[in-house]
Amino acid sequence: MTLSLSNMRCVPEYRCLQENGGYAIFDTWEQGFEAWFKLIRNLYVAYWGRVTVDQIIPKYAPNSDGNNEAGYIASLKHTIDVWRAGIVQA
């Protein structure tokens, strides 16, 4: 198990699982979450200036990598709306 929030690709600071293109391996979920949030904040927001889900996802998980950008965006927006409404789902 990688303990990665979003199947982050290998990064120099962490161990790497060399399967299917390589994925970062974290020691704890907290470490995985922290690495992901740093990636989004430092690279996507601060460096590339992508500040919304609609701007981030096409770069983060493009259709060209076999992802469904529109579906990913819709799913994230729904999850955020549910969270903001204070609804807890099992």
C-alpha atoms as a PDB file:
ATOM      1  CA  MET A   1       0.000   0.000   0.000  1.00  0.00           C
ATOM      2  CA  THR A   2       1.343   3.424  -0.947  1.00  0.00           C
ATOM      3  CA  LEU A   3      -0.636   5.507   1.606  1.00  0.00           C
ATOM      4  CA  SER A   4      -1.024   8.110  -1.123  1.00  0.00           C
ATOM      5  CA  LEU A   5      -4.009  10.440  -1.297  1.00  0.00           C
ATOM      6  CA  SER A   6      -4.127  10.315  -5.074  1.00  0.00           C
ATOM      7  CA  ASN A   7      -1.617   7.793  -6.394  1.00  0.00           C
ATOM      8  CA  MET A   8       1.147  10.385  -6.643  1.00  0.00           C
ATOM      9  CA  ARG A   9       3.890   9.523  -9.061  1.00  0.00           C
ATOM     10  CA  CYS A  10       7.393   8.950  -7.720  1.00  0.00           C
ATOM     11  CA  VAL A  11       9.088  11.970  -6.185  1.00  0.00           C
ATOM     12  CA  PRO A  12      12.714  12.172  -5.024  1.00  0.00           C
ATOM     13  CA  GLU A  13      11.959  12.544  -1.299  1.00  0.00           C
ATOM     14  CA  TYR A  14      10.040   9.247  -0.958  1.00  0.00           C
ATOM     15  CA  ARG A  15      10.369   5.579  -1.775  1.00  0.00           C
ATOM     16  CA  CYS A  16       8.990   4.490  -5.132  1.00  0.00           C
ATOM     17  CA  LEU A  17       6.889   1.507  -6.176  1.00  0.00           C
ATOM     18  CA  GLN A  18       8.181   0.673  -9.654  1.00  0.00           C
ATOM     19  CA  GLU A  19       4.921  -0.629 -11.137  1.00  0.00           C
ATOM     20  CA  ASN A  20       2.651   0.919 -13.764  1.00  0.00           C
ATOM     21  CA  GLY A  21       4.869   3.952 -14.215  1.00  0.00           C
ATOM     22  CA  GLY A  22       5.888   4.292 -10.569  1.00  0.00           C
ATOM     23  CA  TYR A  23       4.093   5.607  -7.496  1.00  0.00           C
ATOM     24  CA  ALA A  24       5.373   7.346  -4.374  1.00  0.00           C
ATOM     25  CA  ILE A  25       5.239   5.307  -1.169  1.00  0.00           C
ATOM     26  CA  PHE A  26       4.581   7.056   2.140  1.00  0.00           C
ATOM     27  CA  ASP A  27       5.076   5.811   5.694  1.00  0.00           C
ATOM     28  CA  THR A  28       1.766   7.252   6.956  1.00  0.00           C
ATOM     29  CA  TRP A  29      -1.446   8.643   5.517  1.00  0.00           C
ATOM     30  CA  GLU A  30      -0.506  11.992   7.056  1.00  0.00           C
ATOM     31  CA  GLN A  31       2.773  12.010   5.139  1.00  0.00           C
ATOM     32  CA  GLY A  32       0.928  11.140   1.918  1.00  0.00           C
ATOM     33  CA  PHE A  33      -1.632  13.915   2.423  1.00  0.00           C
ATOM     34  CA  GLU A  34       1.070  16.443   3.259  1.00  0.00           C
ATOM     35  CA  ALA A  35       3.060  15.571   0.129  1.00  0.00           C
ATOM     36  CA  TRP A  36      -0.039  15.864  -2.069  1.00  0.00           C
ATOM     37  CA  PHE A  37      -1.073  19.230  -0.626  1.00  0.00           C
ATOM     38  CA  LYS A  38       2.475  20.547  -1.056  1.00  0.00           C
ATOM     39  CA  LEU A  39       2.452  19.383  -4.679  1.00  0.00           C
ATOM     40  CA  ILE A  40      -0.814  21.181  -5.405  1.00  0.00           C
ATOM     41  CA  ARG A  41       0.134  24.344  -3.485  1.00  0.00           C
ATOM     42  CA  ASN A  42       3.711  24.704  -4.709  1.00  0.00           C
ATOM     43  CA  LEU A  43       3.514  23.473  -8.298  1.00  0.00           C
ATOM     44  CA  TYR A  44      -0.063  23.832  -9.504  1.00  0.00           C
ATOM     45  CA  VAL A  45      -1.078  26.986  -7.618  1.00  0.00           C
ATOM     46  CA  ALA A  46       2.118  28.948  -6.915  1.00  0.00           C
ATOM     47  CA  TYR A  47       4.156  27.998  -9.989  1.00  0.00           C
ATOM     48  CA  TRP A  48       1.572  27.393 -12.714  1.00  0.00           C
ATOM     49  CA  GLY A  49      -1.133  29.735 -11.365  1.00  0.00           C
ATOM     50  CA  ARG A  50      -3.864  27.099 -11.519  1.00  0.00           C
ATOM     51  CA  VAL A  51      -6.175  27.894  -8.634  1.00  0.00           C
ATOM     52  CA  THR A  52      -9.488  26.159  -9.367  1.00  0.00           C
ATOM     53  CA  VAL A  53     -10.454  22.532  -9.818  1.00  0.00           C
ATOM     54  CA  ASP A  54     -11.319  23.339 -13.450  1.00  0.00           C
ATOM     55  CA  GLN A  55      -7.789  24.670 -14.019  1.00  0.00           C
ATOM     56  CA  ILE A  56      -5.874  22.045 -12.042  1.00  0.00           C
ATOM     57  CA  ILE A  57      -7.429  18.779 -13.241  1.00  0.00           C
ATOM     58  CA  PRO A  58      -6.585  19.090 -16.975  1.00  0.00           C
ATOM     59  CA  LYS A  59      -2.903  19.358 -15.978  1.00  0.00           C
ATOM     60  CA  TYR A  60      -3.035  16.975 -12.993  1.00  0.00           C
ATOM     61  CA  ALA A  61      -5.082  14.176 -14.589  1.00  0.00           C
ATOM     62  CA  PRO A  62      -5.349  14.855 -18.338  1.00  0.00           C
ATOM     63  CA  ASN A  63      -7.521  12.895 -20.745  1.00  0.00           C
ATOM     64  CA  SER A  64      -4.313  11.985 -22.585  1.00  0.00           C
ATOM     65  CA  ASP A  65      -3.274   9.851 -19.567  1.00  0.00           C
ATOM     66  CA  GLY A  66      -6.498   7.866 -19.780  1.00  0.00           C
ATOM     67  CA  ASN A  67      -8.391  10.015 -17.286  1.00  0.00           C
ATOM     68  CA  ASN A  68     -11.863  11.491 -17.631  1.00  0.00           C
ATOM     69  CA  GLU A  69     -11.256  15.179 -16.872  1.00  0.00           C
ATOM     70  CA  ALA A  70     -14.938  16.154 -16.909  1.00  0.00           C
ATOM     71  CA  GLY A  71     -15.889  13.232 -14.668  1.00  0.00           C
ATOM     72  CA  TYR A  72     -13.002  13.911 -12.293  1.00  0.00           C
ATOM     73  CA  ILE A  73     -13.928  17.600 -12.022  1.00  0.00           C
ATOM     74  CA  ALA A  74     -17.621  16.812 -11.448  1.00  0.00           C
ATOM     75  CA  SER A  75     -16.778  14.226  -8.791  1.00  0.00           C
ATOM     76  CA  LEU A  76     -14.454  16.588  -6.932  1.00  0.00           C
ATOM     77  CA  LYS A  77     -16.957  19.438  -7.029  1.00  0.00           C
ATOM     78  CA  HIS A  78     -19.695  17.151  -5.700  1.00  0.00           C
ATOM     79  CA  THR A  79     -17.440  15.887  -2.904  1.00  0.00           C
ATOM     80  CA  ILE A  80     -16.518  19.463  -1.956  1.00  0.00           C
ATOM     81  CA  ASP A  81     -20.187  20.529  -1.971  1.00  0.00           C
ATOM     82  CA  VAL A  82     -21.115  17.599   0.294  1.00  0.00           C
ATOM     83  CA  TRP A  83     -18.241  18.411   2.662  1.00  0.00           C
ATOM     84  CA  ARG A  84     -19.189  22.101   2.794  1.00  0.00           C
ATOM     85  CA  ALA A  85     -22.790  21.154   3.579  1.00  0.00           C
ATOM     86  CA  GLY A  86     -21.552  19.204   6.602  1.00  0.00           C
ATOM     87  CA  ILE A  87     -22.831  15.891   5.303  1.00  0.00           C
ATOM     88  CA  VAL A  88     -20.807  12.905   6.441  1.00  0.00           C
ATOM     89  CA  GLN A  89     -21.000   9.870   4.195  1.00  0.00           C
ATOM     90  CA  ALA A  90     -19.729   6.414   5.080  1.00  0.00           C
END
